[in-house]
Amino acid sequence: MGSSTVVFFKTIINIALLLIVMVLIYSVFSLATNVSIAQGVNNSNYLVISLGSKSSNQASDNQKAQDFYLASSWLGVSMIVIWGILFVFLKK
């Protein structure tokens, strides 16, 4: 194999690994915060856990849910920045 083929496949592998790591980080954060918010509900099931932070965030007095929402937003922004930096270095 030529060196360009090796570099191409290494790049694809690195992008795939970065995507997997980012998905895992965001998924664990999302699940942990949704479970944490849903702890206050008496009848916890999958739907309550899934919608826990979204329904609790509507109440302006729930500071914990608003903090989690803000943290998840900044986590998303940081992932976009990481992807941008990665693609800047890939073009060089």
C-alpha atoms as a PDB file:
ATOM      1  CA  MET A   1       0.000   0.000   0.000  1.00  0.00           C
ATOM      2  CA  GLY A   2       1.082   3.539  -0.710  1.00  0.00           C
ATOM      3  CA  SER A   3       1.626   6.105   1.995  1.00  0.00           C
ATOM      4  CA  SER A   4      -1.406   8.141   0.907  1.00  0.00           C
ATOM      5  CA  THR A   5      -3.647   5.110   1.374  1.00  0.00           C
ATOM      6  CA  VAL A   6      -2.273   4.499   4.851  1.00  0.00           C
ATOM      7  CA  VAL A   7      -2.764   8.155   5.818  1.00  0.00           C
ATOM      8  CA  PHE A   8      -6.316   8.084   4.410  1.00  0.00           C
ATOM      9  CA  PHE A   9      -7.326   5.075   6.483  1.00  0.00           C
ATOM     10  CA  LYS A  10      -5.597   6.407   9.614  1.00  0.00           C
ATOM     11  CA  THR A  11      -7.577   9.627   9.227  1.00  0.00           C
ATOM     12  CA  ILE A  12     -10.845   7.731   8.858  1.00  0.00           C
ATOM     13  CA  ILE A  13     -10.026   5.608  11.921  1.00  0.00           C
ATOM     14  CA  ASN A  14      -9.142   8.685  13.984  1.00  0.00           C
ATOM     15  CA  ILE A  15     -12.359  10.468  12.992  1.00  0.00           C
ATOM     16  CA  ALA A  16     -14.401   7.368  13.841  1.00  0.00           C
ATOM     17  CA  LEU A  17     -12.693   7.051  17.239  1.00  0.00           C
ATOM     18  CA  LEU A  18     -13.307  10.723  17.990  1.00  0.00           C
ATOM     19  CA  LEU A  19     -16.961  10.340  17.044  1.00  0.00           C
ATOM     20  CA  ILE A  20     -17.339   7.281  19.283  1.00  0.00           C
ATOM     21  CA  VAL A  21     -15.690   9.045  22.225  1.00  0.00           C
ATOM     22  CA  MET A  22     -17.870  12.129  21.792  1.00  0.00           C
ATOM     23  CA  VAL A  23     -21.049  10.076  21.529  1.00  0.00           C
ATOM     24  CA  LEU A  24     -20.125   8.165  24.682  1.00  0.00           C
ATOM     25  CA  ILE A  25     -19.323  11.334  26.637  1.00  0.00           C
ATOM     26  CA  TYR A  26     -22.517  13.092  25.604  1.00  0.00           C
ATOM     27  CA  SER A  27     -24.662   9.981  26.136  1.00  0.00           C
ATOM     28  CA  VAL A  28     -23.318   9.330  29.627  1.00  0.00           C
ATOM     29  CA  PHE A  29     -23.783  12.991  30.553  1.00  0.00           C
ATOM     30  CA  SER A  30     -27.314  13.032  29.164  1.00  0.00           C
ATOM     31  CA  LEU A  31     -28.346   9.816  30.882  1.00  0.00           C
ATOM     32  CA  ALA A  32     -26.820  10.840  34.214  1.00  0.00           C
ATOM     33  CA  THR A  33     -28.492  14.248  34.233  1.00  0.00           C
ATOM     34  CA  ASN A  34     -31.866  12.873  33.147  1.00  0.00           C
ATOM     35  CA  VAL A  35     -31.769  10.203  35.862  1.00  0.00           C
ATOM     36  CA  SER A  36     -30.725  12.824  38.409  1.00  0.00           C
ATOM     37  CA  ILE A  37     -33.641  15.093  37.496  1.00  0.00           C
ATOM     38  CA  ALA A  38     -36.115  12.189  37.377  1.00  0.00           C
ATOM     39  CA  GLN A  39     -35.226  11.126  40.946  1.00  0.00           C
ATOM     40  CA  GLY A  40     -37.837  13.554  42.292  1.00  0.00           C
ATOM     41  CA  VAL A  41     -40.686  11.808  40.477  1.00  0.00           C
ATOM     42  CA  ASN A  42     -42.541   9.087  42.374  1.00  0.00           C
ATOM     43  CA  ASN A  43     -43.271   6.799  39.424  1.00  0.00           C
ATOM     44  CA  SER A  44     -39.929   6.570  37.580  1.00  0.00           C
ATOM     45  CA  ASN A  45     -40.035   4.726  34.288  1.00  0.00           C
ATOM     46  CA  TYR A  46     -38.191   5.045  31.000  1.00  0.00           C
ATOM     47  CA  LEU A  47     -40.388   7.885  29.750  1.00  0.00           C
ATOM     48  CA  VAL A  48     -39.928   9.925  32.925  1.00  0.00           C
ATOM     49  CA  ILE A  49     -36.163   9.433  32.776  1.00  0.00           C
ATOM     50  CA  SER A  50     -36.079  10.261  29.083  1.00  0.00           C
ATOM     51  CA  LEU A  51     -38.082  13.455  29.449  1.00  0.00           C
ATOM     52  CA  GLY A  52     -36.962  14.333  32.975  1.00  0.00           C
ATOM     53  CA  SER A  53     -34.685  17.251  32.263  1.00  0.00           C
ATOM     54  CA  LYS A  54     -36.817  18.536  29.419  1.00  0.00           C
ATOM     55  CA  SER A  55     -40.037  18.753  31.405  1.00  0.00           C
ATOM     56  CA  SER A  56     -38.326  19.973  34.574  1.00  0.00           C
ATOM     57  CA  ASN A  57     -36.406  22.629  32.684  1.00  0.00           C
ATOM     58  CA  GLN A  58     -39.632  24.445  31.856  1.00  0.00           C
ATOM     59  CA  ALA A  59     -40.120  25.385  35.476  1.00  0.00           C
ATOM     60  CA  SER A  60     -38.175  28.555  36.171  1.00  0.00           C
ATOM     61  CA  ASP A  61     -37.676  27.621  39.819  1.00  0.00           C
ATOM     62  CA  ASN A  62     -35.749  24.395  39.069  1.00  0.00           C
ATOM     63  CA  GLN A  63     -32.160  25.650  39.157  1.00  0.00           C
ATOM     64  CA  LYS A  64     -30.634  22.146  38.939  1.00  0.00           C
ATOM     65  CA  ALA A  65     -32.407  21.387  35.648  1.00  0.00           C
ATOM     66  CA  GLN A  66     -31.399  24.762  34.230  1.00  0.00           C
ATOM     67  CA  ASP A  67     -27.775  24.151  35.202  1.00  0.00           C
ATOM     68  CA  PHE A  68     -27.820  20.735  33.505  1.00  0.00           C
ATOM     69  CA  TYR A  69     -29.381  22.269  30.398  1.00  0.00           C
ATOM     70  CA  LEU A  70     -26.699  24.965  30.287  1.00  0.00           C
ATOM     71  CA  ALA A  71     -23.930  22.394  30.814  1.00  0.00           C
ATOM     72  CA  SER A  72     -25.273  20.189  28.007  1.00  0.00           C
ATOM     73  CA  SER A  73     -25.412  23.194  25.694  1.00  0.00           C
ATOM     74  CA  TRP A  74     -21.772  24.066  26.403  1.00  0.00           C
ATOM     75  CA  LEU A  75     -20.816  20.412  25.998  1.00  0.00           C
ATOM     76  CA  GLY A  76     -22.372  20.473  22.528  1.00  0.00           C
ATOM     77  CA  VAL A  77     -20.556  23.696  21.640  1.00  0.00           C
ATOM     78  CA  SER A  78     -17.238  22.258  22.802  1.00  0.00           C
ATOM     79  CA  MET A  79     -17.758  19.160  20.640  1.00  0.00           C
ATOM     80  CA  ILE A  80     -18.402  21.375  17.611  1.00  0.00           C
ATOM     81  CA  VAL A  81     -15.194  23.299  18.357  1.00  0.00           C
ATOM     82  CA  ILE A  82     -13.229  20.042  18.660  1.00  0.00           C
ATOM     83  CA  TRP A  83     -14.587  18.867  15.294  1.00  0.00           C
ATOM     84  CA  GLY A  84     -13.648  22.236  13.766  1.00  0.00           C
ATOM     85  CA  ILE A  85     -10.101  22.026  15.102  1.00  0.00           C
ATOM     86  CA  LEU A  86      -9.815  18.455  13.842  1.00  0.00           C
ATOM     87  CA  PHE A  87     -10.866  19.411  10.326  1.00  0.00           C
ATOM     88  CA  VAL A  88      -8.501  22.409  10.270  1.00  0.00           C
ATOM     89  CA  PHE A  89      -5.604  20.050  11.034  1.00  0.00           C
ATOM     90  CA  LEU A  90      -6.834  17.488   8.493  1.00  0.00           C
ATOM     91  CA  LYS A  91      -6.722  20.035   5.684  1.00  0.00           C
ATOM     92  CA  LYS A  92      -3.032  20.804   6.319  1.00  0.00           C
END
